[in-house]
Protein backbone atom coordinates (compact mmCIF):
# COMPACT_ATOMS: atom_id res chain seq x y z
CA MET A 1 0.08 0.14 -0.29
CA ASP A 2 1.35 3.58 -0.72
CA ALA A 3 1.83 6.27 1.30
CA GLY A 4 -1.45 7.94 -0.01
CA ARG A 5 -3.60 4.70 -0.05
CA ALA A 6 -2.51 4.29 3.43
CA VAL A 7 -3.37 8.03 4.43
CA GLU A 8 -6.62 8.08 2.74
CA ALA A 9 -7.83 4.76 4.51
CA PHE A 10 -6.36 5.85 8.32
CA GLU A 11 -9.03 9.25 8.03
CA GLN A 12 -11.92 7.23 6.47
CA GLN A 13 -10.88 4.79 9.33
CA VAL A 14 -10.99 8.05 11.91
CA VAL A 15 -13.73 9.43 10.18
CA GLU A 16 -15.62 5.88 10.92
CA ALA A 17 -14.43 6.18 15.08
CA ILE A 18 -15.95 10.15 15.61
CA ASN A 19 -19.25 9.45 13.33
CA ALA A 20 -19.23 6.29 15.92
CA SER A 21 -18.46 7.63 18.78
CA GLY A 22 -21.81 9.97 19.19
CA LEU A 23 -19.45 12.49 20.35
CA HIS A 24 -21.50 16.29 19.99
CA PRO A 25 -19.30 17.19 17.54
CA VAL A 26 -17.27 20.53 19.64
CA VAL A 27 -15.92 18.19 21.58
CA VAL A 28 -15.00 15.96 18.35
CA ARG A 29 -13.37 19.01 17.30
CA LEU A 30 -11.41 19.27 20.58
CA VAL A 31 -9.68 16.10 20.56
CA LEU A 32 -8.29 16.41 17.44
CA LEU A 33 -7.18 19.65 18.11
CA ASN A 34 -5.84 18.02 21.00
CA LEU A 35 -4.29 15.59 18.57
CA VAL A 36 -2.72 17.85 16.79
CA HIS A 37 -1.89 19.17 19.36
CA VAL A 38 0.61 15.73 20.32
CA VAL A 39 1.73 15.28 16.74
CA GLU A 40 3.56 18.92 16.81
CA ASP A 41 4.94 18.21 19.96
CA LYS A 42 6.36 14.78 19.12
CA GLU A 43 7.36 16.06 15.96
CA ARG A 44 9.70 19.22 18.18
CA GLU A 45 11.11 16.98 19.87
CA LEU A 46 12.51 14.35 17.99
CA ALA A 47 13.65 17.62 15.39
CA ARG A 48 15.70 18.69 18.78
CA GLN A 49 16.64 15.28 19.42
CA ALA A 50 18.08 14.65 15.97
CA GLU A 51 19.51 18.47 16.69
CA GLN A 52 21.61 17.50 19.37
CA GLU A 53 22.43 14.34 17.72
CA GLU A 54 24.30 15.79 14.59
CA THR A 55 26.11 18.20 17.12
CA GLY A 56 27.41 15.16 19.11
CA GLY A 57 25.06 16.64 22.45
């Protein structure tokens, strides 16, 4: 499976899970925003680690 198809499948699974949850749209929005922040934090952490490894620190 190529990356594009994997992303599409993942998106569809997320949408199906959200729809099946029965949560209010505002709650879903807050959860998704929180997930984005968690992913961004992890990206920054990994970037810092890679930079430290490159500089030997």
